[in-house]
């Protein structure tokens, strides 16, 4: 089997473009960093203005809870499940607190 045949078979068995996957992973990571910066700026602003933080915290914990739930579904790690449940409980609690405060 020559080199070109090996490359062709490998490409057929693994249709994902590794370069594209790499760029998508990096884009996701930069997006998360950007979201954290905006989150921190909004937290500081709300603290200065005396505004409630519960809405921002609900979004933060909801994001983490869903992320850990996805990780649990893929790897079935007990720690991920615990983190997912705690994150979702925190998200719902902060959301309810925000609704009660602003009602």
C-alpha atoms as a PDB file:
ATOM      1  CA  UNK A   1       0.000   0.000   0.000  1.00  0.00           C
ATOM      2  CA  UNK A   2       1.506   3.326  -1.023  1.00  0.00           C
ATOM      3  CA  UNK A   3       1.453   6.610   0.877  1.00  0.00           C
ATOM      4  CA  UNK A   4      -1.426   8.142  -1.107  1.00  0.00           C
ATOM      5  CA  UNK A   5      -3.608   5.092  -0.511  1.00  0.00           C
ATOM      6  CA  UNK A   6      -2.957   5.267   3.243  1.00  0.00           C
ATOM      7  CA  UNK A   7      -3.827   8.989   3.298  1.00  0.00           C
ATOM      8  CA  UNK A   8      -7.001   8.435   1.280  1.00  0.00           C
ATOM      9  CA  UNK A   9      -8.198   5.623   3.559  1.00  0.00           C
ATOM     10  CA  UNK A  10      -7.432   7.662   6.672  1.00  0.00           C
ATOM     11  CA  UNK A  11      -9.390  10.614   5.318  1.00  0.00           C
ATOM     12  CA  UNK A  12     -12.360   8.374   4.500  1.00  0.00           C
ATOM     13  CA  UNK A  13     -12.374   6.812   7.972  1.00  0.00           C
ATOM     14  CA  UNK A  14     -12.045  10.194   9.724  1.00  0.00           C
ATOM     15  CA  UNK A  15     -14.107  12.749   7.785  1.00  0.00           C
ATOM     16  CA  UNK A  16     -13.579  15.532  10.372  1.00  0.00           C
ATOM     17  CA  UNK A  17     -11.199  18.239   9.280  1.00  0.00           C
ATOM     18  CA  UNK A  18      -8.766  18.505  12.197  1.00  0.00           C
ATOM     19  CA  UNK A  19      -7.827  22.060  11.257  1.00  0.00           C
ATOM     20  CA  UNK A  20     -11.458  23.138  11.360  1.00  0.00           C
ATOM     21  CA  UNK A  21     -12.030  21.390  14.695  1.00  0.00           C
ATOM     22  CA  UNK A  22      -8.938  23.135  16.107  1.00  0.00           C
ATOM     23  CA  UNK A  23     -10.128  26.553  14.960  1.00  0.00           C
ATOM     24  CA  UNK A  24     -13.633  25.926  16.328  1.00  0.00           C
ATOM     25  CA  UNK A  25     -12.184  24.900  19.702  1.00  0.00           C
ATOM     26  CA  UNK A  26      -9.983  28.014  19.817  1.00  0.00           C
ATOM     27  CA  UNK A  27     -12.918  30.235  18.811  1.00  0.00           C
ATOM     28  CA  UNK A  28     -15.018  28.732  21.589  1.00  0.00           C
ATOM     29  CA  UNK A  29     -12.238  29.333  24.115  1.00  0.00           C
ATOM     30  CA  UNK A  30     -11.809  32.982  23.037  1.00  0.00           C
ATOM     31  CA  UNK A  31     -15.580  33.442  23.157  1.00  0.00           C
ATOM     32  CA  UNK A  32     -15.622  32.141  26.719  1.00  0.00           C
ATOM     33  CA  UNK A  33     -12.814  34.502  27.698  1.00  0.00           C
ATOM     34  CA  UNK A  34     -14.691  37.418  26.139  1.00  0.00           C
ATOM     35  CA  UNK A  35     -17.879  36.437  27.933  1.00  0.00           C
ATOM     36  CA  UNK A  36     -16.020  36.295  31.258  1.00  0.00           C
ATOM     37  CA  UNK A  37     -14.548  39.764  30.708  1.00  0.00           C
ATOM     38  CA  UNK A  38     -17.979  41.231  29.928  1.00  0.00           C
ATOM     39  CA  UNK A  39     -19.446  39.357  32.908  1.00  0.00           C
ATOM     40  CA  UNK A  40     -16.830  40.831  35.249  1.00  0.00           C
ATOM     41  CA  UNK A  41     -17.355  44.338  33.863  1.00  0.00           C
ATOM     42  CA  UNK A  42     -21.101  44.026  34.420  1.00  0.00           C
ATOM     43  CA  UNK A  43     -20.593  42.691  37.945  1.00  0.00           C
ATOM     44  CA  UNK A  44     -18.328  45.623  38.825  1.00  0.00           C
ATOM     45  CA  UNK A  45     -20.765  48.097  37.255  1.00  0.00           C
ATOM     46  CA  UNK A  46     -23.735  46.620  39.127  1.00  0.00           C
ATOM     47  CA  UNK A  47     -21.805  46.646  42.392  1.00  0.00           C
ATOM     48  CA  UNK A  48     -20.906  50.327  41.904  1.00  0.00           C
ATOM     49  CA  UNK A  49     -24.509  51.231  41.023  1.00  0.00           C
ATOM     50  CA  UNK A  50     -26.003  49.098  43.806  1.00  0.00           C
ATOM     51  CA  UNK A  51     -27.919  46.896  41.357  1.00  0.00           C
ATOM     52  CA  UNK A  52     -28.701  43.225  42.023  1.00  0.00           C
ATOM     53  CA  UNK A  53     -26.296  40.647  40.622  1.00  0.00           C
ATOM     54  CA  UNK A  54     -28.695  37.727  40.659  1.00  0.00           C
ATOM     55  CA  UNK A  55     -29.484  37.850  36.940  1.00  0.00           C
ATOM     56  CA  UNK A  56     -25.815  37.727  35.987  1.00  0.00           C
ATOM     57  CA  UNK A  57     -25.120  34.967  38.483  1.00  0.00           C
ATOM     58  CA  UNK A  58     -28.068  32.935  37.146  1.00  0.00           C
ATOM     59  CA  UNK A  59     -26.609  33.137  33.637  1.00  0.00           C
ATOM     60  CA  UNK A  60     -23.122  32.249  34.873  1.00  0.00           C
ATOM     61  CA  UNK A  61     -24.237  29.197  36.857  1.00  0.00           C
ATOM     62  CA  UNK A  62     -26.630  28.110  34.106  1.00  0.00           C
ATOM     63  CA  UNK A  63     -23.787  28.176  31.588  1.00  0.00           C
ATOM     64  CA  UNK A  64     -21.548  26.132  33.866  1.00  0.00           C
ATOM     65  CA  UNK A  65     -24.320  23.694  34.789  1.00  0.00           C
ATOM     66  CA  UNK A  66     -25.228  22.945  31.192  1.00  0.00           C
ATOM     67  CA  UNK A  67     -21.558  22.632  30.227  1.00  0.00           C
ATOM     68  CA  UNK A  68     -20.905  20.128  32.986  1.00  0.00           C
ATOM     69  CA  UNK A  69     -24.082  18.217  32.109  1.00  0.00           C
ATOM     70  CA  UNK A  70     -22.840  17.822  28.539  1.00  0.00           C
ATOM     71  CA  UNK A  71     -19.457  16.688  29.848  1.00  0.00           C
ATOM     72  CA  UNK A  72     -21.190  14.147  32.098  1.00  0.00           C
ATOM     73  CA  UNK A  73     -23.211  12.784  29.162  1.00  0.00           C
ATOM     74  CA  UNK A  74     -20.001  12.190  27.192  1.00  0.00           C
ATOM     75  CA  UNK A  75     -17.678  10.855  29.924  1.00  0.00           C
ATOM     76  CA  UNK A  76     -20.042   9.671  32.703  1.00  0.00           C
ATOM     77  CA  UNK A  77     -17.863  11.169  35.443  1.00  0.00           C
ATOM     78  CA  UNK A  78     -19.511  11.536  38.832  1.00  0.00           C
ATOM     79  CA  UNK A  79     -17.780  14.880  39.460  1.00  0.00           C
ATOM     80  CA  UNK A  80     -19.268  16.347  36.294  1.00  0.00           C
ATOM     81  CA  UNK A  81     -22.744  15.216  37.306  1.00  0.00           C
ATOM     82  CA  UNK A  82     -22.385  16.776  40.758  1.00  0.00           C
ATOM     83  CA  UNK A  83     -21.107  20.017  39.225  1.00  0.00           C
ATOM     84  CA  UNK A  84     -23.964  20.042  36.715  1.00  0.00           C
ATOM     85  CA  UNK A  85     -26.643  19.548  39.367  1.00  0.00           C
ATOM     86  CA  UNK A  86     -25.108  22.170  41.676  1.00  0.00           C
ATOM     87  CA  UNK A  87     -24.746  24.636  38.805  1.00  0.00           C
ATOM     88  CA  UNK A  88     -28.341  24.207  37.697  1.00  0.00           C
ATOM     89  CA  UNK A  89     -29.661  24.511  41.260  1.00  0.00           C
ATOM     90  CA  UNK A  90     -27.630  27.701  41.718  1.00  0.00           C
ATOM     91  CA  UNK A  91     -28.900  29.064  38.389  1.00  0.00           C
ATOM     92  CA  UNK A  92     -32.536  28.463  39.305  1.00  0.00           C
ATOM     93  CA  UNK A  93     -32.023  29.911  42.797  1.00  0.00           C
ATOM     94  CA  UNK A  94     -30.398  33.092  41.481  1.00  0.00           C
ATOM     95  CA  UNK A  95     -33.052  33.423  38.788  1.00  0.00           C
ATOM     96  CA  UNK A  96     -35.827  33.161  41.371  1.00  0.00           C
ATOM     97  CA  UNK A  97     -34.033  35.640  43.629  1.00  0.00           C
ATOM     98  CA  UNK A  98     -33.738  38.101  40.748  1.00  0.00           C
ATOM     99  CA  UNK A  99     -37.421  37.758  39.845  1.00  0.00           C
ATOM    100  CA  UNK A 100     -38.454  38.236  43.473  1.00  0.00           C
ATOM    101  CA  UNK A 101     -36.205  41.311  43.846  1.00  0.00           C
ATOM    102  CA  UNK A 102     -37.420  42.977  40.668  1.00  0.00           C
ATOM    103  CA  UNK A 103     -41.103  42.032  40.800  1.00  0.00           C
END
